[in-house]
């Protein structure tokens, strides 16, 4: 009977509009939830086929839920260096457990990560950030294996010196040494006050660091050669700090530098003194005292560009040093952790050094709208969403990472309030259908009395 069908149709309308109101209320309540994706009601008809074309049997309506997962929220700046947002497609990979591989792998856009008491980065919902671990050379170890990002695995960092640059002027009016000189004599006589007249015309101490962050002084010494515009040069260290069997008198390297007539560097040729240490121009090998426990060093010395005055020069002016640069550092304590726009988790240390610890992948899906929403603003993969693909940020369709930022909820309050009014009216209208049908049924009952 059509009247009873009308009742059921009205009831289905009340149910559908109630669900729609529930979605609206959920959107409004999550307007301040980081990276929340709003839910929208999608209505579809319920059709009851009639046996005859001349009659009509009411069916009704049902409401489905569509999540606006692919709709970007506004990205806003944050004061936290471990807050991060995705501008574009994709999700951060998170886990329910801190142990790598020990929990369910889920996906989120909520990038408000902070370290817990063990140093694991997790967001406000308690999900642990996953990333690719990096090796000592800061390259990804295994792109098929994710680990929980932990910032307490490294407490300090020392960087061994690998390169030294020297800028200095050697006085052009210096009288040449007229006696007999053999490579290594300056190092041999350094502590003896220039025995037999062999004393460097100019020396400079250069501070370098070994693999343990221990500081050492290396002396660079110059002696004017009788040949025009030519200087003999030696590098030597403290004999107490190097293995004297490999470095007699602390000698590290010997060679010559020549200058052009305009005072610019002509050429430099330094030969490592370490046995088997290499040919002229190779890095100088240093075997530190074995009892100190540091690894051997290999240091390249940059004395300037031939034809330029950007390093050593020979002008008619006093000896002076313009600069000494080196890329080593003493031990530094961890001072902070941040995430950069390439997705690297970067540790900063008190000695000014930085080290990349992890790289964050961006997970993309063929159909992200079909992901399964879970509590905590995370999503699980489904058959309809397709399998995930791990990509570098900004590559292969993956969104870019925006550091020190958070994505806001993609909820428009004005739109939600408008939907609320329409939903309330639709609910009232369906309730009116029920009361009107009830009156018609009551009239029918009275006729039958």
Protein backbone atom coordinates (compact mmCIF):
# COMPACT_ATOMS: atom_id res chain seq x y z
CA UNK A 1 0.00 0.00 0.00
CA UNK A 2 1.46 3.40 -1.00
CA UNK A 3 0.60 5.02 2.32
CA UNK A 4 2.69 2.52 4.26
CA UNK A 5 5.42 2.96 1.63
CA UNK A 6 5.28 6.69 2.26
CA UNK A 7 5.85 6.09 5.96
CA UNK A 8 8.89 3.94 5.26
CA UNK A 9 10.18 6.47 2.73
CA UNK A 10 9.87 9.25 5.31
CA UNK A 11 11.67 7.13 7.89
CA UNK A 12 14.52 6.51 5.44
CA UNK A 13 14.69 10.27 4.88
CA UNK A 14 14.94 10.90 8.63
CA UNK A 15 17.71 8.29 8.88
CA UNK A 16 19.65 9.72 5.93
CA UNK A 17 19.39 13.31 7.17
CA UNK A 18 20.40 12.20 10.66
CA UNK A 19 23.53 10.65 9.21
CA UNK A 20 24.21 13.81 7.23
CA UNK A 21 23.87 15.89 10.40
CA UNK A 22 26.28 13.51 12.12
CA UNK A 23 28.87 14.14 9.41
CA UNK A 24 28.37 17.89 9.71
CA UNK A 25 28.78 17.78 13.48
CA UNK A 26 31.91 15.67 13.11
CA UNK A 27 33.37 18.19 10.66
CA UNK A 28 32.61 21.11 12.95
CA UNK A 29 34.05 19.36 16.00
CA UNK A 30 37.30 18.64 14.11
CA UNK A 31 37.76 22.11 12.63
CA UNK A 32 40.98 22.51 14.67
CA UNK A 33 42.26 18.96 14.14
CA UNK A 34 45.55 18.99 12.23
CA UNK A 35 45.09 17.80 8.62
CA UNK A 36 41.55 16.55 9.28
CA UNK A 37 39.68 15.61 6.09
CA UNK A 38 35.97 16.44 6.14
CA UNK A 39 33.17 13.94 5.54
CA UNK A 40 30.33 14.69 3.13
CA UNK A 41 26.98 12.92 2.76
CA UNK A 42 26.28 11.40 -0.64
CA UNK A 43 22.59 10.55 -1.09
CA UNK A 44 21.29 7.84 -3.39
CA UNK A 45 17.77 6.59 -4.15
CA UNK A 46 16.14 3.39 -2.97
CA UNK A 47 13.68 2.21 -5.67
CA UNK A 48 10.91 -0.32 -5.12
CA UNK A 49 9.72 -1.67 -8.45
CA UNK A 50 5.98 -1.92 -8.93
CA UNK A 51 4.30 -4.86 -10.69
CA UNK A 52 2.29 -2.47 -12.84
CA UNK A 53 3.42 0.69 -14.54
CA UNK A 54 0.28 2.49 -13.45
CA UNK A 55 1.16 2.25 -9.78
CA UNK A 56 4.04 3.64 -7.75
CA UNK A 57 5.69 2.11 -4.70
CA UNK A 58 7.78 4.55 -2.63
CA UNK A 59 11.33 3.45 -1.94
CA UNK A 60 13.31 6.06 -0.04
CA UNK A 61 16.85 7.35 0.28
CA UNK A 62 20.10 6.30 1.83
CA UNK A 63 23.19 8.32 2.79
CA UNK A 64 26.76 7.27 2.10
CA UNK A 65 29.91 8.88 3.43
CA UNK A 66 32.55 10.44 1.22
CA UNK A 67 35.78 11.67 2.81
CA UNK A 68 37.47 14.63 1.14
CA UNK A 69 40.88 13.01 1.54
CA UNK A 70 42.28 14.49 -1.63
CA UNK A 71 41.29 18.06 -0.77
CA UNK A 72 44.25 20.13 0.46
CA UNK A 73 43.97 22.00 3.74
CA UNK A 74 45.56 25.38 4.38
CA UNK A 75 49.26 25.15 5.33
CA UNK A 76 50.21 27.36 8.23
CA UNK A 77 53.59 28.07 9.83
CA UNK A 78 54.62 26.48 13.11
CA UNK A 79 57.31 27.17 15.71
CA UNK A 80 58.32 23.51 16.03
CA UNK A 81 61.21 22.30 13.82
CA UNK A 82 59.72 18.79 13.78
CA UNK A 83 56.30 19.92 12.53
CA UNK A 84 55.90 19.18 8.85
CA UNK A 85 53.19 19.38 6.20
CA UNK A 86 52.67 17.97 2.72
CA UNK A 87 51.84 20.39 -0.07
CA UNK A 88 50.22 18.13 -2.65
CA UNK A 89 49.43 14.44 -2.81
CA UNK A 90 50.62 11.78 -0.41
CA UNK A 91 50.84 10.78 3.23
CA UNK A 92 53.40 10.35 5.96
CA UNK A 93 53.95 6.74 6.96
CA UNK A 94 53.31 6.00 10.64
CA UNK A 95 53.10 2.94 12.84
CA UNK A 96 51.07 2.01 15.88
CA UNK A 97 54.18 0.76 17.71
CA UNK A 98 57.63 2.33 18.21
CA UNK A 99 59.51 -0.90 17.47
CA UNK A 100 60.43 -0.94 13.79
CA UNK A 101 58.17 -3.41 12.01
CA UNK A 102 56.28 -4.12 15.24
CA UNK A 103 52.97 -2.37 14.52
CA UNK A 104 50.41 -1.77 11.82
CA UNK A 105 51.53 0.55 9.04
CA UNK A 106 49.14 3.45 8.57
CA UNK A 107 49.14 6.77 6.74
CA UNK A 108 48.44 10.32 7.85
CA UNK A 109 48.68 13.97 6.85
CA UNK A 110 48.97 15.08 10.48
CA UNK A 111 52.60 16.13 10.79
CA UNK A 112 52.68 17.47 14.35
CA UNK A 113 55.53 15.20 15.47
CA UNK A 114 57.36 15.46 18.78
CA UNK A 115 59.92 13.11 20.40
CA UNK A 116 58.74 10.88 23.25
CA UNK A 117 60.93 10.10 26.25
CA UNK A 118 62.86 7.53 24.18
CA UNK A 119 63.44 9.93 21.29
CA UNK A 120 60.90 8.40 18.91
CA UNK A 121 59.00 10.97 16.85
CA UNK A 122 55.23 10.59 17.17
CA UNK A 123 52.24 12.82 16.52
CA UNK A 124 49.58 13.97 18.96
CA UNK A 125 47.49 10.86 18.27
CA UNK A 126 50.36 8.60 19.33
CA UNK A 127 51.42 7.26 15.91
CA UNK A 128 55.15 6.85 15.27
CA UNK A 129 56.79 8.43 12.22
CA UNK A 130 58.53 6.02 9.83
CA UNK A 131 61.49 6.82 7.59
CA UNK A 132 64.40 5.39 5.64
CA UNK A 133 67.54 5.08 7.75
CA UNK A 134 70.73 6.65 6.36
CA UNK A 135 74.28 5.31 6.50
CA UNK A 136 77.42 7.18 7.55
CA UNK A 137 77.60 8.79 4.11
CA UNK A 138 73.99 9.97 4.52
CA UNK A 139 72.63 7.67 1.81
CA UNK A 140 69.47 5.55 2.17
CA UNK A 141 70.42 2.08 3.41
CA UNK A 142 67.38 0.15 2.15
CA UNK A 143 64.39 1.72 0.38
CA UNK A 144 62.35 -1.40 1.14
CA UNK A 145 62.74 -1.08 4.90
CA UNK A 146 61.24 1.61 7.11
CA UNK A 147 62.28 2.37 10.67
CA UNK A 148 60.78 4.44 13.44
CA UNK A 149 62.48 7.83 13.40
CA UNK A 150 64.53 8.11 16.58
CA UNK A 151 66.57 11.20 17.38
CA UNK A 152 68.34 9.86 20.47
CA UNK A 153 70.40 7.27 18.65
CA UNK A 154 73.15 9.85 18.27
CA UNK A 155 74.25 11.93 21.25
CA UNK A 156 77.33 13.64 19.89
CA UNK A 157 79.28 14.13 16.69
CA UNK A 158 82.93 14.75 15.90
CA UNK A 159 84.10 15.45 12.35
CA UNK A 160 87.64 14.57 11.30
CA UNK A 161 89.40 17.23 9.26
CA UNK A 162 89.58 16.27 5.58
CA UNK A 163 90.53 19.58 4.03
CA UNK A 164 92.50 22.68 4.99
CA UNK A 165 92.75 25.93 3.03
CA UNK A 166 95.57 28.41 3.59
CA UNK A 167 95.80 31.99 2.41
CA UNK A 168 99.09 33.74 3.21
CA UNK A 169 101.70 36.07 1.74
CA UNK A 170 105.35 35.07 1.63
CA UNK A 171 107.62 38.11 1.57
CA UNK A 172 109.20 38.55 -1.87
CA UNK A 173 112.26 40.31 -0.42
CA UNK A 174 113.19 37.39 1.84
CA UNK A 175 116.80 36.33 1.27
CA UNK A 176 117.13 32.73 0.10
CA UNK A 177 118.67 30.05 2.33
CA UNK A 178 122.16 29.45 0.99
CA UNK A 179 123.10 26.32 2.93
CA UNK A 180 122.48 22.64 2.32
CA UNK A 181 118.86 21.62 2.76
CA UNK A 182 117.17 18.24 2.47
CA UNK A 183 113.39 17.61 2.76
CA UNK A 184 112.55 17.07 6.41
CA UNK A 185 115.29 19.29 7.80
CA UNK A 186 112.84 21.97 8.94
CA UNK A 187 110.87 19.43 10.96
CA UNK A 188 114.11 17.98 12.33
CA UNK A 189 115.42 21.37 13.45
CA UNK A 190 112.11 22.88 14.55
CA UNK A 191 112.63 22.09 18.22
CA UNK A 192 116.35 22.82 18.14
CA UNK A 193 116.20 26.50 17.27
CA UNK A 194 117.39 26.07 13.72
CA UNK A 195 120.42 23.87 14.25
CA UNK A 196 123.06 24.25 11.52
CA UNK A 197 121.26 27.33 10.29
CA UNK A 198 118.20 25.47 8.98
CA UNK A 199 115.30 27.42 10.34
CA UNK A 200 112.07 28.10 8.49
CA UNK A 201 111.60 31.65 7.28
CA UNK A 202 107.88 31.50 8.06
CA UNK A 203 105.72 29.06 10.02
CA UNK A 204 102.08 28.86 10.89
CA UNK A 205 100.22 26.41 13.18
CA UNK A 206 97.05 24.93 11.73
CA UNK A 207 94.52 23.28 14.02
CA UNK A 208 92.92 20.06 12.76
CA UNK A 209 90.72 17.40 14.38
CA UNK A 210 91.01 13.63 14.36
CA UNK A 211 88.11 11.14 14.17
CA UNK A 212 87.52 11.42 17.93
CA UNK A 213 87.22 15.19 17.80
CA UNK A 214 90.62 15.70 19.43
CA UNK A 215 92.43 18.87 18.32
CA UNK A 216 95.98 18.75 16.95
CA UNK A 217 98.35 21.43 15.70
CA UNK A 218 100.05 20.92 12.37
CA UNK A 219 102.82 23.34 11.42
CA UNK A 220 103.30 24.51 7.85
CA UNK A 221 106.83 25.85 7.34
CA UNK A 222 108.36 27.75 4.39
CA UNK A 223 112.01 28.19 3.48
CA UNK A 224 113.07 30.47 0.58
CA UNK A 225 114.88 28.41 -2.05
CA UNK A 226 117.78 29.88 -4.08
CA UNK A 227 115.77 29.18 -7.24
CA UNK A 228 113.77 32.22 -8.34
CA UNK A 229 110.27 32.51 -6.88
CA UNK A 230 110.57 29.09 -5.23
CA UNK A 231 109.90 28.06 -1.63
CA UNK A 232 110.42 24.73 0.08
CA UNK A 233 107.48 23.74 2.27
CA UNK A 234 107.01 21.15 5.00
CA UNK A 235 104.12 19.98 7.14
CA UNK A 236 104.91 18.47 10.52
CA UNK A 237 103.10 17.68 13.73
CA UNK A 238 103.97 17.12 17.35
CA UNK A 239 106.06 13.92 17.53
CA UNK A 240 104.19 13.02 20.71
CA UNK A 241 100.89 12.93 18.80
CA UNK A 242 101.91 10.86 15.74
CA UNK A 243 103.55 7.50 15.27
CA UNK A 244 107.20 8.47 14.88
CA UNK A 245 107.96 5.25 13.04
CA UNK A 246 105.87 6.57 10.17
CA UNK A 247 106.58 10.25 10.84
CA UNK A 248 110.18 10.80 11.97
CA UNK A 249 110.35 14.09 13.85
CA UNK A 250 106.64 14.45 13.18
CA UNK A 251 107.17 15.00 9.43
CA UNK A 252 103.90 14.70 7.48
CA UNK A 253 104.68 16.03 4.01
CA UNK A 254 107.26 17.94 1.96
CA UNK A 255 107.29 19.81 -1.31
CA UNK A 256 107.74 23.11 -3.12
CA UNK A 257 105.61 26.05 -4.18
CA UNK A 258 106.49 28.44 -6.99
CA UNK A 259 105.16 31.87 -7.85
CA UNK A 260 104.64 33.81 -11.04
CA UNK A 261 106.34 37.13 -11.71
CA UNK A 262 103.16 38.97 -10.71
CA UNK A 263 103.15 37.40 -7.23
CA UNK A 264 100.38 34.90 -7.86
CA UNK A 265 100.76 31.19 -7.21
CA UNK A 266 102.47 29.31 -10.00
CA UNK A 267 102.30 25.71 -8.80
CA UNK A 268 102.38 23.66 -5.63
CA UNK A 269 103.57 20.09 -5.21
CA UNK A 270 103.27 18.41 -1.82
CA UNK A 271 104.28 14.77 -1.33
CA UNK A 272 102.94 12.83 1.69
CA UNK A 273 105.72 11.58 3.98
CA UNK A 274 103.63 8.69 5.34
CA UNK A 275 105.21 5.50 3.90
CA UNK A 276 103.13 4.51 0.89
CA UNK A 277 101.05 7.60 1.52
CA UNK A 278 100.73 8.59 -2.10
CA UNK A 279 102.08 10.67 -4.95
CA UNK A 280 102.54 14.45 -5.07
CA UNK A 281 99.17 16.18 -4.81
CA UNK A 282 97.51 13.32 -2.88
CA UNK A 283 96.03 13.98 0.58
CA UNK A 284 98.56 13.86 3.38
CA UNK A 285 98.11 10.74 5.48
CA UNK A 286 98.59 11.03 9.23
CA UNK A 287 99.02 8.07 11.54
CA UNK A 288 98.02 9.43 14.93
CA UNK A 289 99.51 7.91 18.04
CA UNK A 290 97.97 4.46 18.33
CA UNK A 291 97.43 4.78 22.07
CA UNK A 292 95.06 7.69 21.46
CA UNK A 293 92.67 5.44 19.54
CA UNK A 294 91.85 7.77 16.65
CA UNK A 295 91.60 6.61 13.06
CA UNK A 296 94.25 7.68 10.59
CA UNK A 297 93.55 10.97 8.84
CA UNK A 298 93.90 11.97 5.20
CA UNK A 299 93.97 15.75 4.77
CA UNK A 300 94.04 17.71 1.53
CA UNK A 301 95.80 21.07 1.74
CA UNK A 302 94.56 23.76 -0.64
CA UNK A 303 97.25 26.39 -1.13
CA UNK A 304 95.39 28.30 -3.83
CA UNK A 305 94.64 28.37 -7.54
CA UNK A 306 97.55 28.78 -10.00
CA UNK A 307 97.49 32.24 -11.50
CA UNK A 308 95.34 33.60 -8.70
CA UNK A 309 96.04 35.28 -5.36
CA UNK A 310 93.30 33.35 -3.58
CA UNK A 311 95.71 31.28 -1.47
CA UNK A 312 99.44 31.67 -1.22
CA UNK A 313 101.00 34.76 -2.77
CA UNK A 314 104.46 36.37 -2.96
CA UNK A 315 104.39 40.13 -2.83
CA UNK A 316 106.81 42.70 -1.49
CA UNK A 317 105.06 42.97 1.85
CA UNK A 318 105.52 41.35 5.27
CA UNK A 319 104.68 37.74 5.94
CA UNK A 320 101.06 37.48 6.98
CA UNK A 321 98.21 34.99 7.06
CA UNK A 322 94.92 36.07 5.48
CA UNK A 323 92.91 32.99 6.41
CA UNK A 324 93.02 29.37 7.47
CA UNK A 325 89.97 27.19 6.92
CA UNK A 326 89.35 23.57 7.82
CA UNK A 327 86.27 21.37 7.78
CA UNK A 328 86.74 19.36 10.98
CA UNK A 329 85.06 19.88 14.31
CA UNK A 330 85.48 18.91 17.92
CA UNK A 331 82.87 16.80 19.66
CA UNK A 332 79.49 18.52 19.73
CA UNK A 333 76.41 17.60 21.72
CA UNK A 334 73.02 17.25 20.09
CA UNK A 335 71.35 20.65 20.18
CA UNK A 336 68.30 20.20 17.98
CA UNK A 337 66.50 18.19 15.32
CA UNK A 338 64.61 19.51 12.33
CA UNK A 339 63.02 18.26 9.11
CA UNK A 340 64.06 19.99 5.90
CA UNK A 341 62.13 20.48 2.65
CA UNK A 342 63.73 17.39 1.09
CA UNK A 343 62.30 15.23 3.85
CA UNK A 344 65.57 14.68 5.72
CA UNK A 345 65.54 14.49 9.50
CA UNK A 346 68.61 16.57 10.38
CA UNK A 347 70.44 16.61 13.72
CA UNK A 348 72.30 19.79 14.69
CA UNK A 349 75.19 19.83 17.16
CA UNK A 350 76.78 22.44 19.39
CA UNK A 351 79.97 22.41 17.27
CA UNK A 352 78.03 23.73 14.28
CA UNK A 353 77.92 20.40 12.46
CA UNK A 354 74.81 18.76 11.07
CA UNK A 355 74.04 15.17 10.19
CA UNK A 356 71.12 13.68 8.28
CA UNK A 357 69.61 10.75 10.18
CA UNK A 358 66.58 9.67 8.15
CA UNK A 359 64.72 10.50 4.98
CA UNK A 360 60.93 10.61 5.06
CA UNK A 361 59.13 8.88 2.20
CA UNK A 362 55.80 10.12 0.86
CA UNK A 363 53.24 7.33 0.35
CA UNK A 364 50.92 7.81 -2.63
CA UNK A 365 47.85 5.82 -3.71
CA UNK A 366 46.03 5.46 -7.00
CA UNK A 367 42.70 6.16 -5.25
CA UNK A 368 43.32 7.87 -1.90
CA UNK A 369 39.59 8.60 -1.48
CA UNK A 370 39.08 4.86 -0.90
CA UNK A 371 41.43 4.65 2.09
CA UNK A 372 39.90 3.37 5.32
CA UNK A 373 39.71 6.15 7.97
CA UNK A 374 40.78 5.17 11.49
CA UNK A 375 40.65 6.95 14.82
CA UNK A 376 43.56 9.34 15.28
CA UNK A 377 43.31 10.93 11.85
CA UNK A 378 45.06 8.04 10.10
CA UNK A 379 44.13 5.85 7.16
CA UNK A 380 44.63 2.22 6.24
CA UNK A 381 45.16 0.79 2.79
CA UNK A 382 42.21 -0.99 1.13
CA UNK A 383 41.74 -2.99 -2.06
CA UNK A 384 39.94 -0.04 -3.60
CA UNK A 385 42.69 2.45 -2.74
CA UNK A 386 45.37 0.40 -4.47
CA UNK A 387 48.79 -0.44 -3.09
CA UNK A 388 51.02 2.32 -1.70
CA UNK A 389 54.06 3.67 -3.50
CA UNK A 390 56.94 5.15 -1.50
CA UNK A 391 58.36 8.21 -3.23
CA UNK A 392 60.80 11.00 -2.54
CA UNK A 393 59.11 14.28 -1.69
CA UNK A 394 58.22 16.21 -4.82
CA UNK A 395 58.96 13.28 -7.13
CA UNK A 396 56.66 11.03 -9.15
CA UNK A 397 53.49 12.88 -8.23
CA UNK A 398 54.25 13.03 -4.50
CA UNK A 399 53.67 16.35 -2.75
CA UNK A 400 56.39 18.61 -1.47
CA UNK A 401 57.35 18.75 2.17
CA UNK A 402 56.94 22.07 3.95
CA UNK A 403 59.05 22.19 7.15
CA UNK A 404 57.96 23.93 10.35
CA UNK A 405 54.37 23.94 9.11
CA UNK A 406 51.11 22.14 9.70
CA UNK A 407 48.15 21.46 7.44
CA UNK A 408 44.82 22.71 8.75
CA UNK A 409 41.52 20.85 8.51
CA UNK A 410 39.91 21.23 5.09
CA UNK A 411 36.60 22.20 6.73
CA UNK A 412 34.82 25.42 5.70
CA UNK A 413 32.63 26.46 8.65
CA UNK A 414 30.43 28.68 6.50
CA UNK A 415 29.75 25.76 4.18
CA UNK A 416 29.07 23.42 7.10
CA UNK A 417 26.55 25.83 8.67
CA UNK A 418 24.77 26.17 5.33
CA UNK A 419 24.60 22.40 5.03
CA UNK A 420 23.29 22.27 8.59
CA UNK A 421 20.36 24.54 7.72
CA UNK A 422 19.51 22.53 4.60
CA UNK A 423 19.78 19.23 6.50
CA UNK A 424 17.56 20.51 9.30
CA UNK A 425 14.91 21.60 6.79
CA UNK A 426 15.10 18.29 4.98
CA UNK A 427 14.71 16.44 8.28
CA UNK A 428 11.66 18.53 9.19
CA UNK A 429 10.17 17.90 5.75
CA UNK A 430 10.58 14.13 6.11
CA UNK A 431 9.01 14.31 9.56
CA UNK A 432 6.12 16.19 7.99
CA UNK A 433 5.69 13.38 5.42
CA UNK A 434 5.32 10.93 8.30
CA UNK A 435 2.76 13.04 10.20
CA UNK A 436 0.76 13.74 7.04
CA UNK A 437 0.71 10.05 6.08
CA UNK A 438 -0.36 9.23 9.63
CA UNK A 439 -3.31 11.66 9.29
CA UNK A 440 -4.29 10.04 5.99
CA UNK A 441 -4.19 6.60 7.55
CA UNK A 442 -6.27 7.86 10.46
CA UNK A 443 -8.83 9.24 7.98
CA UNK A 444 -8.93 5.85 6.24
CA UNK A 445 -9.57 4.09 9.54
CA UNK A 446 -12.44 6.45 10.35
CA UNK A 447 -14.10 5.74 6.96
CA UNK A 448 -14.04 2.02 7.67
CA UNK A 449 -15.97 2.37 10.95
